Amino acid sequence: MSRWVRGPLALLVTIIATGCGGDTPNQQGTAATTQALLSQPIGELTQVRPSPALEPNSGDDELPIDQLGYDQGNLDALVRIVELSDYGCGYCRKFHLETFPVLREEFIETGKVLWKFVPFVNGMFENSLFATEAAECALEQGSLPFEALNERLWSDQASWKRSSDPEPVLRGMAQDAGVDLAEFDTCLNNDNSIDRISSARSTASRLGVRGTPTFYPIGFPPIEGALPTEAFQQVLELMHQEISGVAGN
């Protein structure tokens, strides 16, 4: 067995309409989702708290959410998003190449949103686990190599996703991203990355994730599937306004 995969993962595989696991995006369904989010009241929320579903189970085999994924933005941001995406998912790729750069510039870099990206292997794509292990091991070396490899994994998804031997493809991408290959190999041979991947799977299972991408804005309903960029902008702005207004009262 390749050193890139150590032990079977019981992976969640389910279906949603606007993400990987479902049909092609339905604009009417997306519009209904957007409208539901925009009309959702947040009640007397006075501060942003993790939802109970994002708290770890009592089991010793699951890492807490704050030890998973990659955070971007102001740690004191009012709006906090947990994203679960699969590197092999076409809708996730579309989101990261088209929508996320806009959200990062408008909301994350301006301090409005703290964004946690959690790679989640949904079980639909054979080589996704290899890519996720590579990303996790790049992350152990810091934000710069991770961001460089993360971008390549999305932009060149087809090259590793369709490969009959993805290890050398991903290794080459890691080297191009500035990853120290000796440390990379050490990471691949320990259990840290698999522990994080397994914990992400467990978290997704508890949350009831039905496909990728899925977004959990803390204090609001989840966003399932890839909304159009303009709709996502509108939703995040409304969330920020709502929380700002409540917090200021």
Foldseek 3Di string as FASTA:
>chain_A
DDLLDDDDAPAAAFDDDFWPNHDDHDPVVLVVLLVCLLPDALPLDQAFDFDPLQADDPDPLADHPVVFADKFADPRARKEKEKEAFLLIPLVLCCVVPQVVVCCVPARVVRNYIYGYGYAHRPPAPQRSSLQLLLLLLPVVHDQLNVQLVNCSSVVVCVQRVDPDNVVVSLVSSVVSVHDVVSSVVSSNDCPSVSNRNNNRVSCVSVVQRHPTKMDTGSGDIDHHDRPNVSVVVSSVSSSVSNVVSNVD
